[in-house]
Protein backbone atom coordinates (compact mmCIF):
# COMPACT_ATOMS: atom_id res chain seq x y z
CA UNK A 1 7.99 -58.54 5.69
CA UNK A 2 9.81 -56.37 3.18
CA UNK A 3 10.98 -57.74 -0.17
CA UNK A 4 14.70 -57.71 -0.87
CA UNK A 5 15.52 -56.35 -4.32
CA UNK A 6 18.93 -56.35 -5.97
CA UNK A 7 20.21 -55.47 -9.43
CA UNK A 8 23.05 -57.25 -11.18
CA UNK A 9 26.06 -55.26 -12.32
CA UNK A 10 26.55 -57.44 -15.40
CA UNK A 11 25.00 -56.80 -18.81
CA UNK A 12 23.10 -59.74 -20.30
CA UNK A 13 22.44 -60.14 -24.03
CA UNK A 14 19.01 -61.24 -25.12
CA UNK A 15 16.28 -61.13 -27.76
CA UNK A 16 12.80 -59.68 -27.46
CA UNK A 17 10.35 -62.60 -27.54
CA UNK A 18 7.32 -60.29 -27.68
CA UNK A 19 6.37 -56.77 -26.65
CA UNK A 20 2.91 -55.19 -26.53
CA UNK A 21 2.89 -51.41 -27.06
CA UNK A 22 -0.61 -51.08 -25.61
CA UNK A 23 0.24 -52.59 -22.22
CA UNK A 24 3.93 -51.61 -22.32
CA UNK A 25 4.91 -55.12 -21.27
CA UNK A 26 6.74 -58.01 -22.84
CA UNK A 27 9.20 -60.87 -22.52
CA UNK A 28 12.93 -60.95 -23.25
CA UNK A 29 14.83 -64.24 -23.51
CA UNK A 30 18.50 -64.57 -22.71
CA UNK A 31 20.99 -66.76 -24.61
CA UNK A 32 19.98 -69.81 -22.56
CA UNK A 33 16.30 -69.35 -23.37
CA UNK A 34 15.32 -68.10 -19.91
CA UNK A 35 12.42 -65.61 -20.03
CA UNK A 36 12.30 -62.28 -18.21
CA UNK A 37 9.50 -59.74 -17.81
CA UNK A 38 10.13 -56.28 -19.28
CA UNK A 39 8.13 -53.09 -18.67
CA UNK A 40 8.43 -50.05 -20.93
CA UNK A 41 9.82 -48.00 -18.03
CA UNK A 42 12.97 -50.19 -18.14
CA UNK A 43 13.73 -49.25 -21.76
CA UNK A 44 16.47 -46.67 -22.29
CA UNK A 45 15.65 -44.55 -25.32
CA UNK A 46 16.74 -41.23 -26.82
CA UNK A 47 13.12 -40.50 -27.72
CA UNK A 48 10.07 -40.18 -25.51
CA UNK A 49 8.43 -43.24 -27.15
CA UNK A 50 9.73 -46.43 -25.54
CA UNK A 51 9.07 -49.66 -27.40
CA UNK A 52 10.72 -52.91 -28.45
CA UNK A 53 10.30 -55.01 -31.58
CA UNK A 54 9.92 -58.78 -31.70
CA UNK A 55 13.29 -60.49 -32.32
CA UNK A 56 15.18 -57.25 -31.54
CA UNK A 57 18.60 -57.87 -29.98
CA UNK A 58 19.01 -56.11 -26.64
CA UNK A 59 21.22 -55.97 -23.58
CA UNK A 60 19.88 -55.52 -20.07
CA UNK A 61 20.56 -55.81 -16.38
CA UNK A 62 18.63 -58.21 -14.21
CA UNK A 63 16.65 -57.19 -11.13
CA UNK A 64 15.82 -59.98 -8.71
CA UNK A 65 13.46 -59.88 -5.79
CA UNK A 66 11.84 -62.52 -3.66
CA UNK A 67 8.92 -63.11 -6.06
CA UNK A 68 10.26 -62.89 -9.63
CA UNK A 69 12.98 -61.52 -11.91
CA UNK A 70 12.59 -58.67 -14.34
CA UNK A 71 14.94 -56.50 -16.38
CA UNK A 72 16.16 -52.93 -16.15
CA UNK A 73 18.30 -50.65 -18.32
CA UNK A 74 17.19 -52.29 -21.60
CA UNK A 75 19.19 -51.06 -24.62
CA UNK A 76 19.01 -52.14 -28.25
CA UNK A 77 22.20 -53.58 -29.75
CA UNK A 78 23.30 -54.28 -33.29
């Protein structure tokens, strides 16, 4: 059985709850407090180093599949 994956078209605002540079993984919370997994490969950056800081404001798109939700196209916002 193949997993169905779909990405939302809408941007969601959130805040980085934590991010570990060593593993390249972390958690972003949206405005309702829902948590989403983030991997460094989802971060859009102008530099080759991709990282996020705790409490950093970001916007992202949500990717849902049959097992869990994670984010894509993560961008820092002011």
